[in-house]
Amino acid sequence: MKATIWHNPACGTSRKTLAILQETPGVELTVVEYLVTPPSTAKLIQLYRDAGITPQQGLRLRGTDAEVRGLPDADDETVLAAMQADPVLIQRPLVETDKGVRLCRPQEVVLEIL
């Protein structure tokens, strides 16, 4: 099974999710450090759609200025543009496999798509 994780190595939950993926037999893993190589707006739209969440639900609040900027109440286009301009606003880790996409908070959520 192929899996892609949008990963931040400074995040404990992201590291724990990555460890689960690395320890799962048969997983062909692609690791994308999204702060270095952010997903395109089209990819974010697809990931959130496939995860069944809105861009607002995929918005990182802790450690960002998202609330000050009014992003939790903004429309999808505004949130996605902000994420594209400043990828720290993307909540992590996002994981995509053939079985779906999950925002893996907590990390055990990844097991739903393995």
N, C-alpha and C. Protein backbone atom coordinates (compact mmCIF):
# COMPACT_ATOMS: atom_id res chain seq x y z
N MET A 1 0.84 -1.18 0.00
CA MET A 1 0.00 0.00 0.00
C MET A 1 0.89 1.24 0.00
N LYS A 2 0.51 2.21 -0.82
CA LYS A 2 1.23 3.48 -0.85
C LYS A 2 0.62 4.43 0.17
N ALA A 3 1.47 5.21 0.84
CA ALA A 3 1.03 6.19 1.81
C ALA A 3 1.90 7.43 1.68
N THR A 4 1.26 8.58 1.81
CA THR A 4 1.97 9.84 1.82
C THR A 4 1.60 10.57 3.10
N ILE A 5 2.62 11.07 3.79
CA ILE A 5 2.38 11.85 5.00
C ILE A 5 2.92 13.26 4.77
N TRP A 6 2.07 14.25 5.07
CA TRP A 6 2.51 15.64 5.08
C TRP A 6 2.95 15.90 6.50
N HIS A 7 4.26 15.98 6.68
CA HIS A 7 4.93 15.81 7.96
C HIS A 7 5.67 17.07 8.39
N ASN A 8 5.68 17.28 9.71
CA ASN A 8 6.52 18.31 10.31
C ASN A 8 7.37 17.60 11.36
N PRO A 9 8.67 17.48 11.13
CA PRO A 9 9.51 16.74 12.07
C PRO A 9 9.59 17.35 13.46
N ALA A 10 9.18 18.60 13.61
CA ALA A 10 9.19 19.24 14.94
C ALA A 10 7.94 18.91 15.75
N CYS A 11 6.98 18.23 15.15
CA CYS A 11 5.70 17.92 15.80
C CYS A 11 5.71 16.48 16.33
N GLY A 12 5.44 16.32 17.61
CA GLY A 12 5.42 14.99 18.21
C GLY A 12 4.36 14.08 17.62
N THR A 13 3.17 14.59 17.38
CA THR A 13 2.10 13.78 16.80
C THR A 13 2.48 13.34 15.39
N SER A 14 3.09 14.23 14.64
CA SER A 14 3.53 13.89 13.30
C SER A 14 4.62 12.82 13.34
N ARG A 15 5.56 12.94 14.25
CA ARG A 15 6.62 11.92 14.39
C ARG A 15 6.03 10.57 14.78
N LYS A 16 5.06 10.57 15.69
CA LYS A 16 4.44 9.31 16.12
C LYS A 16 3.65 8.67 14.98
N THR A 17 2.97 9.49 14.18
CA THR A 17 2.23 8.96 13.02
C THR A 17 3.20 8.39 12.01
N LEU A 18 4.29 9.09 11.77
CA LEU A 18 5.31 8.60 10.85
C LEU A 18 5.86 7.25 11.32
N ALA A 19 6.09 7.12 12.62
CA ALA A 19 6.60 5.85 13.16
C ALA A 19 5.62 4.71 12.92
N ILE A 20 4.33 4.98 13.08
CA ILE A 20 3.32 3.94 12.82
C ILE A 20 3.40 3.51 11.36
N LEU A 21 3.50 4.47 10.46
CA LEU A 21 3.58 4.16 9.03
C LEU A 21 4.85 3.37 8.72
N GLN A 22 5.97 3.76 9.30
CA GLN A 22 7.24 3.08 9.05
C GLN A 22 7.25 1.66 9.60
N GLU A 23 6.50 1.43 10.67
CA GLU A 23 6.47 0.11 11.31
C GLU A 23 5.41 -0.83 10.72
N THR A 24 4.59 -0.32 9.82
CA THR A 24 3.52 -1.13 9.23
C THR A 24 4.06 -1.85 8.00
N PRO A 25 4.06 -3.18 8.03
CA PRO A 25 4.57 -3.94 6.88
C PRO A 25 3.78 -3.62 5.61
N GLY A 26 4.50 -3.54 4.50
CA GLY A 26 3.86 -3.36 3.21
C GLY A 26 3.53 -1.93 2.83
N VAL A 27 3.89 -0.96 3.67
CA VAL A 27 3.61 0.44 3.36
C VAL A 27 4.78 1.04 2.59
N GLU A 28 4.48 1.53 1.37
CA GLU A 28 5.46 2.27 0.57
C GLU A 28 5.24 3.73 0.90
N LEU A 29 6.15 4.32 1.67
CA LEU A 29 5.94 5.62 2.27
C LEU A 29 6.64 6.75 1.54
N THR A 30 5.89 7.82 1.33
CA THR A 30 6.44 9.08 0.84
C THR A 30 6.25 10.10 1.95
N VAL A 31 7.33 10.76 2.33
CA VAL A 31 7.29 11.77 3.38
C VAL A 31 7.49 13.13 2.73
N VAL A 32 6.52 14.01 2.95
CA VAL A 32 6.61 15.37 2.42
C VAL A 32 6.67 16.32 3.61
N GLU A 33 7.79 17.01 3.75
CA GLU A 33 7.90 18.04 4.79
C GLU A 33 7.19 19.27 4.25
N TYR A 34 5.93 19.42 4.65
CA TYR A 34 5.06 20.41 4.02
C TYR A 34 5.48 21.86 4.28
N LEU A 35 6.29 22.10 5.30
CA LEU A 35 6.79 23.47 5.51
C LEU A 35 7.85 23.82 4.46
N VAL A 36 8.51 22.80 3.92
CA VAL A 36 9.52 22.99 2.88
C VAL A 36 8.87 22.91 1.49
N THR A 37 7.98 21.92 1.33
CA THR A 37 7.29 21.69 0.06
C THR A 37 5.79 21.63 0.33
N PRO A 38 5.13 22.79 0.40
CA PRO A 38 3.71 22.78 0.72
C PRO A 38 2.87 22.20 -0.42
N PRO A 39 1.76 21.57 -0.06
CA PRO A 39 0.85 21.07 -1.10
C PRO A 39 0.21 22.25 -1.83
N SER A 40 -0.11 22.04 -3.09
CA SER A 40 -0.81 23.07 -3.86
C SER A 40 -2.21 23.27 -3.29
N THR A 41 -2.82 24.35 -3.67
CA THR A 41 -4.20 24.60 -3.25
C THR A 41 -5.11 23.48 -3.73
N ALA A 42 -4.92 23.04 -4.98
CA ALA A 42 -5.73 21.94 -5.51
C ALA A 42 -5.55 20.67 -4.69
N LYS A 43 -4.31 20.39 -4.28
CA LYS A 43 -4.06 19.19 -3.46
C LYS A 43 -4.71 19.33 -2.10
N LEU A 44 -4.62 20.51 -1.48
CA LEU A 44 -5.28 20.71 -0.19
C LEU A 44 -6.79 20.51 -0.31
N ILE A 45 -7.38 21.05 -1.36
CA ILE A 45 -8.82 20.87 -1.58
C ILE A 45 -9.15 19.39 -1.65
N GLN A 46 -8.36 18.64 -2.42
CA GLN A 46 -8.60 17.20 -2.58
C GLN A 46 -8.41 16.46 -1.25
N LEU A 47 -7.34 16.80 -0.52
CA LEU A 47 -7.08 16.13 0.75
C LEU A 47 -8.22 16.37 1.74
N TYR A 48 -8.65 17.61 1.89
CA TYR A 48 -9.72 17.92 2.83
C TYR A 48 -11.03 17.28 2.40
N ARG A 49 -11.32 17.31 1.09
CA ARG A 49 -12.54 16.66 0.60
C ARG A 49 -12.52 15.17 0.93
N ASP A 50 -11.39 14.52 0.62
CA ASP A 50 -11.29 13.08 0.84
C ASP A 50 -11.27 12.72 2.33
N ALA A 51 -10.82 13.64 3.17
CA ALA A 51 -10.82 13.42 4.62
C ALA A 51 -12.19 13.74 5.23
N GLY A 52 -13.05 14.38 4.44
CA GLY A 52 -14.39 14.73 4.94
C GLY A 52 -14.36 15.90 5.91
N ILE A 53 -13.38 16.80 5.74
CA ILE A 53 -13.29 17.97 6.61
C ILE A 53 -13.22 19.23 5.75
N THR A 54 -13.48 20.36 6.39
CA THR A 54 -13.38 21.65 5.72
C THR A 54 -11.97 22.20 5.88
N PRO A 55 -11.60 23.16 5.04
CA PRO A 55 -10.30 23.81 5.25
C PRO A 55 -10.19 24.42 6.66
N GLN A 56 -11.29 24.92 7.18
CA GLN A 56 -11.27 25.49 8.53
C GLN A 56 -10.93 24.42 9.57
N GLN A 57 -11.42 23.20 9.36
CA GLN A 57 -11.11 22.09 10.27
C GLN A 57 -9.66 21.62 10.11
N GLY A 58 -9.06 21.94 8.99
CA GLY A 58 -7.66 21.60 8.74
C GLY A 58 -6.71 22.73 9.07
N LEU A 59 -7.22 23.75 9.72
CA LEU A 59 -6.45 24.95 10.06
C LEU A 59 -5.76 24.77 11.40
N ARG A 60 -4.48 25.04 11.43
CA ARG A 60 -3.73 24.99 12.69
C ARG A 60 -3.91 26.30 13.43
N LEU A 61 -4.42 26.23 14.65
CA LEU A 61 -4.64 27.42 15.46
C LEU A 61 -3.50 27.64 16.44
N ARG A 62 -3.10 26.57 17.09
CA ARG A 62 -2.05 26.67 18.12
C ARG A 62 -0.72 27.11 17.50
N GLY A 63 -0.12 28.13 18.07
CA GLY A 63 1.16 28.59 17.60
C GLY A 63 1.12 29.40 16.31
N THR A 64 -0.08 29.81 15.90
CA THR A 64 -0.22 30.62 14.69
C THR A 64 -1.06 31.86 15.00
N ASP A 65 -1.15 32.72 14.03
CA ASP A 65 -1.99 33.91 14.17
C ASP A 65 -3.34 33.73 13.46
N ALA A 66 -3.75 32.50 13.25
CA ALA A 66 -4.98 32.21 12.49
C ALA A 66 -6.20 32.88 13.11
N GLU A 67 -6.32 32.83 14.43
CA GLU A 67 -7.50 33.43 15.07
C GLU A 67 -7.48 34.94 14.96
N VAL A 68 -6.32 35.55 15.15
CA VAL A 68 -6.19 37.00 15.03
C VAL A 68 -6.58 37.45 13.62
N ARG A 69 -6.26 36.64 12.64
CA ARG A 69 -6.57 36.95 11.24
C ARG A 69 -8.01 36.61 10.87
N GLY A 70 -8.76 36.02 11.79
CA GLY A 70 -10.15 35.68 11.51
C GLY A 70 -10.33 34.47 10.63
N LEU A 71 -9.30 33.66 10.49
CA LEU A 71 -9.37 32.52 9.57
C LEU A 71 -10.36 31.43 9.97
N PRO A 72 -10.59 31.16 11.27
CA PRO A 72 -11.56 30.11 11.59
C PRO A 72 -12.97 30.40 11.07
N ASP A 73 -13.27 31.68 10.85
CA ASP A 73 -14.60 32.06 10.35
C ASP A 73 -14.58 32.50 8.89
N ALA A 74 -13.43 32.41 8.26
CA ALA A 74 -13.29 32.86 6.87
C ALA A 74 -13.83 31.79 5.91
N ASP A 75 -14.05 32.20 4.66
CA ASP A 75 -14.51 31.24 3.65
C ASP A 75 -13.34 30.35 3.21
N ASP A 76 -13.69 29.25 2.55
CA ASP A 76 -12.69 28.26 2.13
C ASP A 76 -11.56 28.89 1.32
N GLU A 77 -11.91 29.72 0.36
CA GLU A 77 -10.91 30.33 -0.52
C GLU A 77 -9.89 31.14 0.28
N THR A 78 -10.36 31.90 1.26
CA THR A 78 -9.47 32.72 2.08
C THR A 78 -8.55 31.84 2.93
N VAL A 79 -9.12 30.80 3.52
CA VAL A 79 -8.32 29.89 4.35
C VAL A 79 -7.26 29.19 3.51
N LEU A 80 -7.65 28.68 2.36
CA LEU A 80 -6.71 27.98 1.49
C LEU A 80 -5.60 28.91 0.99
N ALA A 81 -5.95 30.14 0.66
CA ALA A 81 -4.94 31.11 0.22
C ALA A 81 -3.96 31.40 1.35
N ALA A 82 -4.46 31.52 2.57
CA ALA A 82 -3.59 31.76 3.73
C ALA A 82 -2.67 30.58 3.95
N MET A 83 -3.19 29.35 3.82
CA MET A 83 -2.36 28.16 3.99
C MET A 83 -1.28 28.08 2.92
N GLN A 84 -1.64 28.46 1.70
CA GLN A 84 -0.66 28.43 0.61
C GLN A 84 0.45 29.44 0.86
N ALA A 85 0.08 30.61 1.36
CA ALA A 85 1.07 31.66 1.63
C ALA A 85 1.91 31.36 2.86
N ASP A 86 1.31 30.66 3.83
CA ASP A 86 1.98 30.40 5.10
C ASP A 86 1.64 28.98 5.56
N PRO A 87 2.39 27.97 5.08
CA PRO A 87 2.04 26.57 5.35
C PRO A 87 2.01 26.17 6.82
N VAL A 88 2.55 27.01 7.71
CA VAL A 88 2.46 26.71 9.14
C VAL A 88 1.00 26.65 9.59
N LEU A 89 0.10 27.22 8.78
CA LEU A 89 -1.33 27.21 9.10
C LEU A 89 -1.99 25.86 8.81
N ILE A 90 -1.29 24.96 8.15
CA ILE A 90 -1.84 23.63 7.83
C ILE A 90 -1.66 22.72 9.05
N GLN A 91 -2.77 22.21 9.56
CA GLN A 91 -2.70 21.27 10.68
C GLN A 91 -2.09 19.97 10.18
N ARG A 92 -1.31 19.34 11.01
CA ARG A 92 -0.61 18.13 10.63
C ARG A 92 -0.81 17.05 11.68
N PRO A 93 -0.50 15.83 11.27
CA PRO A 93 -0.11 15.36 9.95
C PRO A 93 -1.32 14.90 9.14
N LEU A 94 -1.28 15.18 7.88
CA LEU A 94 -2.25 14.63 6.94
C LEU A 94 -1.63 13.39 6.33
N VAL A 95 -2.41 12.31 6.23
CA VAL A 95 -1.92 11.07 5.62
C VAL A 95 -2.93 10.62 4.57
N GLU A 96 -2.40 10.25 3.41
CA GLU A 96 -3.23 9.76 2.31
C GLU A 96 -2.77 8.36 1.92
N THR A 97 -3.72 7.43 1.84
CA THR A 97 -3.46 6.08 1.33
C THR A 97 -4.55 5.75 0.32
N ASP A 98 -4.47 4.54 -0.24
CA ASP A 98 -5.51 4.08 -1.16
C ASP A 98 -6.87 4.01 -0.49
N LYS A 99 -6.88 3.93 0.83
CA LYS A 99 -8.14 3.80 1.58
C LYS A 99 -8.72 5.12 2.03
N GLY A 100 -8.00 6.22 1.79
CA GLY A 100 -8.55 7.52 2.17
C GLY A 100 -7.51 8.46 2.72
N VAL A 101 -8.02 9.56 3.28
CA VAL A 101 -7.18 10.60 3.87
C VAL A 101 -7.66 10.86 5.28
N ARG A 102 -6.72 11.09 6.18
CA ARG A 102 -7.06 11.45 7.55
C ARG A 102 -6.12 12.54 8.05
N LEU A 103 -6.68 13.43 8.85
CA LEU A 103 -5.89 14.33 9.67
C LEU A 103 -5.64 13.55 10.94
N CYS A 104 -4.41 13.12 11.15
CA CYS A 104 -4.09 12.12 12.17
C CYS A 104 -3.78 12.75 13.52
N ARG A 105 -4.82 13.28 14.13
CA ARG A 105 -4.76 13.82 15.48
C ARG A 105 -5.91 13.19 16.24
N PRO A 106 -5.67 12.26 17.12
CA PRO A 106 -4.39 11.68 17.53
C PRO A 106 -3.82 10.74 16.45
N GLN A 107 -2.59 10.34 16.64
CA GLN A 107 -1.88 9.56 15.65
C GLN A 107 -2.54 8.23 15.33
N GLU A 108 -3.30 7.67 16.25
CA GLU A 108 -3.94 6.36 16.02
C GLU A 108 -4.97 6.42 14.90
N VAL A 109 -5.43 7.61 14.54
CA VAL A 109 -6.41 7.77 13.47
C VAL A 109 -5.86 7.20 12.16
N VAL A 110 -4.55 7.18 11.99
CA VAL A 110 -3.95 6.66 10.77
C VAL A 110 -4.32 5.20 10.55
N LEU A 111 -4.59 4.47 11.62
CA LEU A 111 -4.91 3.04 11.49
C LEU A 111 -6.19 2.82 10.70
N GLU A 112 -7.07 3.82 10.65
CA GLU A 112 -8.33 3.73 9.90
C GLU A 112 -8.09 3.58 8.40
N ILE A 113 -6.94 4.03 7.91
CA ILE A 113 -6.69 3.99 6.46
C ILE A 113 -5.51 3.09 6.10
N LEU A 114 -5.14 2.22 7.00
CA LEU A 114 -4.06 1.25 6.70
C LEU A 114 -4.64 -0.13 6.48
